C-alpha atoms as a PDB file:
ATOM      1  CA  MET A   1     131.282 129.648 114.400  1.00  0.00           C
ATOM      2  CA  ILE A   2     133.688 126.874 115.420  1.00  0.00           C
ATOM      3  CA  LEU A   3     132.294 124.835 118.332  1.00  0.00           C
ATOM      4  CA  LEU A   4     135.019 122.178 118.651  1.00  0.00           C
ATOM      5  CA  GLU A   5     138.649 122.332 117.585  1.00  0.00           C
ATOM      6  CA  ALA A   6     141.247 119.589 117.958  1.00  0.00           C
ATOM      7  CA  GLN A   7     144.835 120.621 117.355  1.00  0.00           C
ATOM      8  CA  GLY A   8     147.276 117.809 116.583  1.00  0.00           C
ATOM      9  CA  ILE A   9     145.808 115.361 119.107  1.00  0.00           C
ATOM     10  CA  SER A  10     147.530 111.979 119.381  1.00  0.00           C
ATOM     11  CA  LYS A  11     147.207 108.722 121.313  1.00  0.00           C
ATOM     12  CA  THR A  12     149.602 105.782 121.247  1.00  0.00           C
ATOM     13  CA  PHE A  13     149.052 102.336 122.738  1.00  0.00           C
ATOM     14  CA  GLY A  14     152.415 100.613 122.927  1.00  0.00           C
ATOM     15  CA  GLY A  15     153.827 101.054 119.443  1.00  0.00           C
ATOM     16  CA  LEU A  16     150.437 101.623 117.812  1.00  0.00           C
ATOM     17  CA  LYS A  17     149.495 105.186 116.863  1.00  0.00           C
ATOM     18  CA  ALA A  18     145.724 104.920 117.327  1.00  0.00           C
ATOM     19  CA  VAL A  19     145.227 108.658 116.722  1.00  0.00           C
ATOM     20  CA  ASP A  20     148.063 110.440 114.968  1.00  0.00           C
ATOM     21  CA  LYS A  21     148.226 114.264 115.016  1.00  0.00           C
ATOM     22  CA  VAL A  22     144.569 114.774 114.146  1.00  0.00           C
ATOM     23  CA  ASP A  23     143.276 118.284 113.440  1.00  0.00           C
ATOM     24  CA  LEU A  24     139.519 118.740 113.549  1.00  0.00           C
ATOM     25  CA  LEU A  25     137.140 121.703 113.191  1.00  0.00           C
ATOM     26  CA  ILE A  26     133.441 121.268 113.935  1.00  0.00           C
ATOM     27  CA  GLU A  27     131.130 124.184 113.205  1.00  0.00           C
ATOM     28  CA  GLU A  28     127.963 124.950 115.158  1.00  0.00           C
ATOM     29  CA  LYS A  29     124.875 123.062 113.897  1.00  0.00           C
ATOM     30  CA  GLU A  30     127.009 120.951 111.574  1.00  0.00           C
ATOM     31  CA  ILE A  31     125.916 117.344 111.050  1.00  0.00           C
ATOM     32  CA  SER A  32     129.071 115.405 110.266  1.00  0.00           C
ATOM     33  CA  SER A  33     130.271 111.833 110.233  1.00  0.00           C
ATOM     34  CA  ILE A  34     133.502 109.897 110.569  1.00  0.00           C
ATOM     35  CA  ILE A  35     133.964 106.734 108.521  1.00  0.00           C
ATOM     36  CA  GLY A  36     136.761 104.214 108.169  1.00  0.00           C
ATOM     37  CA  PRO A  37     137.452 100.505 108.720  1.00  0.00           C
ATOM     38  CA  ASN A  38     137.776  98.860 112.115  1.00  0.00           C
ATOM     39  CA  GLY A  39     140.996  99.969 113.763  1.00  0.00           C
ATOM     40  CA  ALA A  40     141.112 103.320 111.965  1.00  0.00           C
ATOM     41  CA  GLY A  41     141.014 105.189 115.292  1.00  0.00           C
ATOM     42  CA  LYS A  42     137.447 106.511 115.206  1.00  0.00           C
ATOM     43  CA  THR A  43     136.306 105.460 118.680  1.00  0.00           C
ATOM     44  CA  THR A  44     139.686 106.364 120.191  1.00  0.00           C
ATOM     45  CA  LEU A  45     139.239 109.841 118.711  1.00  0.00           C
ATOM     46  CA  PHE A  46     135.818 110.063 120.369  1.00  0.00           C
ATOM     47  CA  ASN A  47     137.306 108.938 123.671  1.00  0.00           C
ATOM     48  CA  LEU A  48     139.943 111.672 123.483  1.00  0.00           C
ATOM     49  CA  LEU A  49     137.439 114.378 122.645  1.00  0.00           C
ATOM     50  CA  THR A  50     135.176 113.408 125.559  1.00  0.00           C
ATOM     51  CA  GLY A  51     137.937 112.946 128.142  1.00  0.00           C
ATOM     52  CA  LYS A  52     137.569 109.192 128.520  1.00  0.00           C
ATOM     53  CA  LEU A  53     141.187 108.978 127.354  1.00  0.00           C
ATOM     54  CA  LYS A  54     143.869 111.618 127.790  1.00  0.00           C
ATOM     55  CA  CYS A  55     145.817 112.906 124.806  1.00  0.00           C
ATOM     56  CA  ASP A  56     149.534 112.160 124.562  1.00  0.00           C
ATOM     57  CA  ALA A  57     149.876 115.399 122.622  1.00  0.00           C
ATOM     58  CA  GLY A  58     147.727 118.184 121.237  1.00  0.00           C
ATOM     59  CA  LYS A  59     144.917 120.380 122.463  1.00  0.00           C
ATOM     60  CA  ILE A  60     141.099 120.301 122.430  1.00  0.00           C
ATOM     61  CA  ILE A  61     139.087 123.528 122.457  1.00  0.00           C
ATOM     62  CA  PHE A  62     135.317 123.378 123.048  1.00  0.00           C
ATOM     63  CA  ALA A  63     133.130 126.488 122.944  1.00  0.00           C
ATOM     64  CA  GLY A  64     136.266 128.598 123.286  1.00  0.00           C
ATOM     65  CA  GLU A  65     137.606 126.740 126.345  1.00  0.00           C
ATOM     66  CA  ASP A  66     140.593 124.423 126.587  1.00  0.00           C
ATOM     67  CA  ILE A  67     139.089 121.115 127.816  1.00  0.00           C
ATOM     68  CA  THR A  68     142.135 118.920 127.124  1.00  0.00           C
ATOM     69  CA  GLU A  69     142.789 118.083 130.778  1.00  0.00           C
ATOM     70  CA  LEU A  70     139.227 118.169 132.095  1.00  0.00           C
ATOM     71  CA  PRO A  71     137.547 114.977 133.405  1.00  0.00           C
ATOM     72  CA  THR A  72     134.663 113.494 131.443  1.00  0.00           C
ATOM     73  CA  ARG A  73     131.960 114.723 133.835  1.00  0.00           C
ATOM     74  CA  GLU A  74     133.112 118.335 133.483  1.00  0.00           C
ATOM     75  CA  ILE A  75     133.292 118.068 129.708  1.00  0.00           C
ATOM     76  CA  CYS A  76     129.749 116.679 129.703  1.00  0.00           C
ATOM     77  CA  ARG A  77     128.491 119.532 131.885  1.00  0.00           C
ATOM     78  CA  ARG A  78     129.937 122.016 129.407  1.00  0.00           C
ATOM     79  CA  GLY A  79     127.713 120.548 126.697  1.00  0.00           C
ATOM     80  CA  LEU A  80     129.564 117.712 125.008  1.00  0.00           C
ATOM     81  CA  GLY A  81     127.414 114.570 125.150  1.00  0.00           C
ATOM     82  CA  ARG A  82     127.855 111.144 123.608  1.00  0.00           C
ATOM     83  CA  SER A  83     126.473 107.666 123.139  1.00  0.00           C
ATOM     84  CA  PHE A  84     128.549 104.509 122.907  1.00  0.00           C
ATOM     85  CA  GLN A  85     129.103 101.741 120.384  1.00  0.00           C
ATOM     86  CA  ARG A  86     127.874  99.226 122.957  1.00  0.00           C
ATOM     87  CA  ILE A  87     124.548 100.098 124.551  1.00  0.00           C
ATOM     88  CA  ASN A  88     125.150 101.894 127.836  1.00  0.00           C
ATOM     89  CA  ILE A  89     121.925 101.935 129.873  1.00  0.00           C
ATOM     90  CA  PHE A  90     120.711 100.633 133.242  1.00  0.00           C
ATOM     91  CA  PRO A  91     118.870  97.437 132.198  1.00  0.00           C
ATOM     92  CA  GLY A  92     117.226  97.006 135.614  1.00  0.00           C
ATOM     93  CA  LEU A  93     115.664 100.483 135.599  1.00  0.00           C
ATOM     94  CA  SER A  94     112.712 101.665 133.558  1.00  0.00           C
ATOM     95  CA  ALA A  95     113.170 103.865 130.507  1.00  0.00           C
ATOM     96  CA  PHE A  96     111.808 106.755 132.583  1.00  0.00           C
ATOM     97  CA  GLU A  97     114.274 106.130 135.408  1.00  0.00           C
ATOM     98  CA  ASN A  98     117.205 105.890 132.993  1.00  0.00           C
ATOM     99  CA  VAL A  99     116.484 109.310 131.536  1.00  0.00           C
ATOM    100  CA  GLN A 100     115.483 110.857 134.867  1.00  0.00           C
ATOM    101  CA  ILE A 101     118.861 109.968 136.383  1.00  0.00           C
ATOM    102  CA  ALA A 102     120.574 111.791 133.522  1.00  0.00           C
ATOM    103  CA  VAL A 103     118.303 114.824 133.976  1.00  0.00           C
ATOM    104  CA  LEU A 104     119.060 114.877 137.722  1.00  0.00           C
ATOM    105  CA  ALA A 105     122.791 114.584 137.038  1.00  0.00           C
ATOM    106  CA  GLN A 106     122.668 117.469 134.580  1.00  0.00           C
ATOM    107  CA  GLN A 107     120.944 119.579 137.221  1.00  0.00           C
ATOM    108  CA  LYS A 108     123.457 118.433 139.859  1.00  0.00           C
ATOM    109  CA  LYS A 109     120.788 116.774 141.989  1.00  0.00           C
ATOM    110  CA  THR A 110     122.315 113.301 142.136  1.00  0.00           C
ATOM    111  CA  LYS A 111     122.607 113.359 145.943  1.00  0.00           C
ATOM    112  CA  ASN A 112     118.806 113.125 146.062  1.00  0.00           C
ATOM    113  CA  ILE A 113     118.563 110.571 143.278  1.00  0.00           C
ATOM    114  CA  PHE A 114     116.223 108.214 145.196  1.00  0.00           C
ATOM    115  CA  SER A 115     114.043 110.987 146.636  1.00  0.00           C
ATOM    116  CA  PRO A 116     110.889 112.099 144.816  1.00  0.00           C
ATOM    117  CA  ALA A 117     111.952 114.197 141.866  1.00  0.00           C
ATOM    118  CA  PRO A 118     110.671 117.762 141.395  1.00  0.00           C
ATOM    119  CA  GLN A 119     107.833 118.080 138.898  1.00  0.00           C
ATOM    120  CA  SER A 120     110.141 120.028 136.580  1.00  0.00           C
ATOM    121  CA  VAL A 121     112.440 116.972 136.365  1.00  0.00           C
ATOM    122  CA  VAL A 122     109.487 114.660 135.706  1.00  0.00           C
ATOM    123  CA  ASN A 123     108.244 116.968 132.965  1.00  0.00           C
ATOM    124  CA  LYS A 124     111.681 117.204 131.353  1.00  0.00           C
ATOM    125  CA  THR A 125     112.094 113.426 131.468  1.00  0.00           C
ATOM    126  CA  ASN A 126     108.739 112.877 129.766  1.00  0.00           C
ATOM    127  CA  GLU A 127     109.578 115.533 127.174  1.00  0.00           C
ATOM    128  CA  ILE A 128     112.789 113.708 126.240  1.00  0.00           C
ATOM    129  CA  LEU A 129     111.071 110.321 126.104  1.00  0.00           C
ATOM    130  CA  GLU A 130     108.431 111.850 123.835  1.00  0.00           C
ATOM    131  CA  SER A 131     111.120 113.262 121.546  1.00  0.00           C
ATOM    132  CA  VAL A 132     112.785 109.858 121.058  1.00  0.00           C
ATOM    133  CA  GLY A 133     109.500 107.978 120.650  1.00  0.00           C
ATOM    134  CA  LEU A 134     109.539 106.111 123.965  1.00  0.00           C
ATOM    135  CA  ILE A 135     106.846 107.890 125.975  1.00  0.00           C
ATOM    136  CA  ASP A 136     104.497 104.891 125.674  1.00  0.00           C
ATOM    137  CA  LYS A 137     107.267 102.574 126.888  1.00  0.00           C
ATOM    138  CA  ARG A 138     108.526 104.727 129.761  1.00  0.00           C
ATOM    139  CA  TYR A 139     107.724 102.181 132.465  1.00  0.00           C
ATOM    140  CA  ILE A 140     109.320  99.208 130.681  1.00  0.00           C
ATOM    141  CA  LEU A 141     112.681  98.059 132.047  1.00  0.00           C
ATOM    142  CA  GLY A 142     115.556  99.117 129.833  1.00  0.00           C
ATOM    143  CA  GLY A 143     116.767  95.544 129.522  1.00  0.00           C
ATOM    144  CA  LEU A 144     113.394  94.413 128.147  1.00  0.00           C
ATOM    145  CA  LEU A 145     113.250  96.962 125.353  1.00  0.00           C
ATOM    146  CA  SER A 146     114.088  95.941 121.794  1.00  0.00           C
ATOM    147  CA  HIS A 147     117.586  96.665 120.525  1.00  0.00           C
ATOM    148  CA  GLY A 148     116.339  99.622 118.513  1.00  0.00           C
ATOM    149  CA  ASP A 149     114.452 101.042 121.483  1.00  0.00           C
ATOM    150  CA  GLN A 150     117.518 100.620 123.711  1.00  0.00           C
ATOM    151  CA  LYS A 151     119.508 102.702 121.228  1.00  0.00           C
ATOM    152  CA  ARG A 152     116.726 105.307 121.309  1.00  0.00           C
ATOM    153  CA  LEU A 153     116.851 105.266 125.102  1.00  0.00           C
ATOM    154  CA  GLU A 154     120.587 105.839 125.029  1.00  0.00           C
ATOM    155  CA  LEU A 155     119.976 108.762 122.690  1.00  0.00           C
ATOM    156  CA  GLY A 156     117.462 110.123 125.203  1.00  0.00           C
ATOM    157  CA  ILE A 157     120.000 109.807 128.020  1.00  0.00           C
ATOM    158  CA  ALA A 158     122.518 111.752 125.941  1.00  0.00           C
ATOM    159  CA  LEU A 159     119.929 114.449 125.194  1.00  0.00           C
ATOM    160  CA  ALA A 160     119.216 114.787 128.924  1.00  0.00           C
ATOM    161  CA  THR A 161     122.696 116.267 129.371  1.00  0.00           C
ATOM    162  CA  ARG A 162     121.563 119.212 127.189  1.00  0.00           C
ATOM    163  CA  PRO A 163     124.464 118.881 124.745  1.00  0.00           C
ATOM    164  CA  LYS A 164     125.691 121.589 122.431  1.00  0.00           C
ATOM    165  CA  LEU A 165     127.578 118.872 120.574  1.00  0.00           C
ATOM    166  CA  LEU A 166     126.185 115.333 120.474  1.00  0.00           C
ATOM    167  CA  MET A 167     128.599 112.558 119.523  1.00  0.00           C
ATOM    168  CA  LEU A 168     127.094 109.211 118.507  1.00  0.00           C
ATOM    169  CA  ASP A 169     129.187 106.058 118.112  1.00  0.00           C
ATOM    170  CA  GLU A 170     127.451 103.823 115.545  1.00  0.00           C
ATOM    171  CA  PRO A 171     123.874 104.843 116.437  1.00  0.00           C
ATOM    172  CA  THR A 172     122.292 102.295 114.080  1.00  0.00           C
ATOM    173  CA  ALA A 173     124.579  99.324 114.827  1.00  0.00           C
ATOM    174  CA  GLY A 174     122.700  96.017 114.969  1.00  0.00           C
ATOM    175  CA  MET A 175     119.441  97.470 113.676  1.00  0.00           C
ATOM    176  CA  SER A 176     117.217  96.097 110.956  1.00  0.00           C
ATOM    177  CA  PRO A 177     116.914  98.175 107.774  1.00  0.00           C
ATOM    178  CA  GLU A 178     113.532  99.475 108.969  1.00  0.00           C
ATOM    179  CA  GLU A 179     114.899 100.428 112.395  1.00  0.00           C
ATOM    180  CA  THR A 180     117.920 102.060 110.758  1.00  0.00           C
ATOM    181  CA  GLU A 181     115.714 104.215 108.548  1.00  0.00           C
ATOM    182  CA  LYS A 182     113.504 105.293 111.460  1.00  0.00           C
ATOM    183  CA  THR A 183     116.481 106.041 113.716  1.00  0.00           C
ATOM    184  CA  THR A 184     118.255 108.018 110.995  1.00  0.00           C
ATOM    185  CA  GLU A 185     115.132 110.122 110.444  1.00  0.00           C
ATOM    186  CA  LEU A 186     114.820 110.651 114.214  1.00  0.00           C
ATOM    187  CA  ILE A 187     118.441 111.750 114.649  1.00  0.00           C
ATOM    188  CA  PHE A 188     118.204 114.182 111.737  1.00  0.00           C
ATOM    189  CA  LYS A 189     114.876 115.561 113.015  1.00  0.00           C
ATOM    190  CA  LEU A 190     116.191 116.082 116.557  1.00  0.00           C
ATOM    191  CA  ALA A 191     119.391 117.722 115.337  1.00  0.00           C
ATOM    192  CA  ARG A 192     117.506 120.218 113.185  1.00  0.00           C
ATOM    193  CA  GLU A 193     114.688 120.936 115.644  1.00  0.00           C
ATOM    194  CA  GLN A 194     116.972 121.384 118.651  1.00  0.00           C
ATOM    195  CA  GLY A 195     119.780 123.131 116.792  1.00  0.00           C
ATOM    196  CA  LEU A 196     122.275 120.444 117.787  1.00  0.00           C
ATOM    197  CA  THR A 197     125.746 120.027 116.410  1.00  0.00           C
ATOM    198  CA  LEU A 198     126.139 116.335 115.592  1.00  0.00           C
ATOM    199  CA  LEU A 199     129.243 114.213 115.055  1.00  0.00           C
ATOM    200  CA  PHE A 200     128.768 110.498 114.518  1.00  0.00           C
ATOM    201  CA  ILE A 201     130.652 107.341 113.628  1.00  0.00           C
ATOM    202  CA  GLU A 202     128.754 105.074 111.281  1.00  0.00           C
ATOM    203  CA  HIS A 203     129.410 102.015 109.105  1.00  0.00           C
ATOM    204  CA  ASP A 204     126.154 102.214 107.155  1.00  0.00           C
ATOM    205  CA  MET A 205     126.945 104.329 104.121  1.00  0.00           C
ATOM    206  CA  SER A 206     123.257 104.970 103.385  1.00  0.00           C
ATOM    207  CA  VAL A 207     123.037 106.718 106.762  1.00  0.00           C
ATOM    208  CA  VAL A 208     126.300 108.604 106.284  1.00  0.00           C
ATOM    209  CA  PHE A 209     125.485 110.008 102.868  1.00  0.00           C
ATOM    210  CA  SER A 210     121.836 110.762 103.641  1.00  0.00           C
ATOM    211  CA  ILE A 211     122.279 113.158 106.581  1.00  0.00           C
ATOM    212  CA  SER A 212     125.909 114.341 106.702  1.00  0.00           C
ATOM    213  CA  ASP A 213     126.805 117.922 105.884  1.00  0.00           C
ATOM    214  CA  LYS A 214     130.450 116.852 106.015  1.00  0.00           C
ATOM    215  CA  ILE A 215     132.226 113.487 106.026  1.00  0.00           C
ATOM    216  CA  ARG A 216     135.676 112.718 107.387  1.00  0.00           C
ATOM    217  CA  VAL A 217     137.556 109.545 106.490  1.00  0.00           C
ATOM    218  CA  MET A 218     140.037 108.018 108.952  1.00  0.00           C
ATOM    219  CA  HIS A 219     142.807 105.587 108.096  1.00  0.00           C
ATOM    220  CA  GLN A 220     145.568 104.400 110.449  1.00  0.00           C
ATOM    221  CA  GLY A 221     144.830 107.093 113.000  1.00  0.00           C
ATOM    222  CA  ARG A 222     144.716 110.006 110.572  1.00  0.00           C
ATOM    223  CA  ILE A 223     142.005 111.896 108.716  1.00  0.00           C
ATOM    224  CA  ILE A 224     142.945 111.332 105.098  1.00  0.00           C
ATOM    225  CA  ALA A 225     139.955 112.978 103.397  1.00  0.00           C
ATOM    226  CA  GLN A 226     137.079 115.268 104.296  1.00  0.00           C
ATOM    227  CA  GLY A 227     134.411 117.284 102.579  1.00  0.00           C
ATOM    228  CA  LYS A 228     130.799 117.284 101.476  1.00  0.00           C
ATOM    229  CA  PRO A 229     129.263 113.877 100.653  1.00  0.00           C
ATOM    230  CA  GLU A 230     129.635 114.366  96.917  1.00  0.00           C
ATOM    231  CA  GLU A 231     133.284 115.358  97.340  1.00  0.00           C
ATOM    232  CA  VAL A 232     134.059 112.280  99.419  1.00  0.00           C
ATOM    233  CA  LYS A 233     132.235 110.041  96.939  1.00  0.00           C
ATOM    234  CA  ALA A 234     134.397 111.455  94.154  1.00  0.00           C
ATOM    235  CA  ASN A 235     137.688 111.061  96.046  1.00  0.00           C
ATOM    236  CA  ASN A 236     139.726 108.377  94.286  1.00  0.00           C
ATOM    237  CA  GLU A 237     141.561 107.265  97.415  1.00  0.00           C
ATOM    238  CA  VAL A 238     138.332 106.919  99.375  1.00  0.00           C
ATOM    239  CA  GLN A 239     136.762 104.933  96.554  1.00  0.00           C
ATOM    240  CA  ARG A 240     139.752 102.620  96.338  1.00  0.00           C
ATOM    241  CA  ILE A 241     140.275 102.010 100.050  1.00  0.00           C
ATOM    242  CA  TYR A 242     136.837 102.335 101.625  1.00  0.00           C
ATOM    243  CA  LEU A 243     133.740 102.525  99.495  1.00  0.00           C
ATOM    244  CA  GLY A 244     134.539  99.285  97.727  1.00  0.00           C
ATOM    245  CA  GLU A 245     134.888  97.502 101.079  1.00  0.00           C
ATOM    246  CA  GLU A 246     132.829  97.115 104.187  1.00  0.00           C
ATOM    247  CA  VAL A 247     133.371 100.381 106.116  1.00  0.00           C
END
């Protein structure tokens, strides 16, 4: 079943076509990645799909509903969650508080955000922290966590929105090889256990080829190749333009 469909979506900044008539089909429970050099349009594509930017043209269908003109908060509530390339947490709040705020928001209880939370919210927050490996660090301020743990916390915040589709923008950026391996294993484990559909941008090819069911390659705002990992590896244009360079 198709969960997300983009039909000819475009975005231009001045004379630059950042995203140029992109068509995209994401199936339920698919784990897929988008690769390409800096400036290929990957993050702009994410911003269009999540409502952070509005399309100049085209249409976006999510779970059978046209979400093209919806604001980000409404898109999120319908089950499309994301993380960002730059860490997006509250550094002055504990890991527990960061996730609890997201749980409260998902349950539309933000008006009582500083009141004692119901036990169900506390339990859900602890469950998410356990799933991302931060339960023992739940009272540490977000800003004092290691870089890898901050990325895990951001993943937990995204999971708190109960996404049907989780979009991750460079989830292993800035990590050591050991952290990258652990985070990759965690993302794959969560996706399979929770039945998530996952779409991620990643520069680390070891991550891309280890967990992707499907890979899409962007160049100058367009998707120029897509397929299973072995198909993308064998694509002559991809080999020439991307896999021989830093991507």
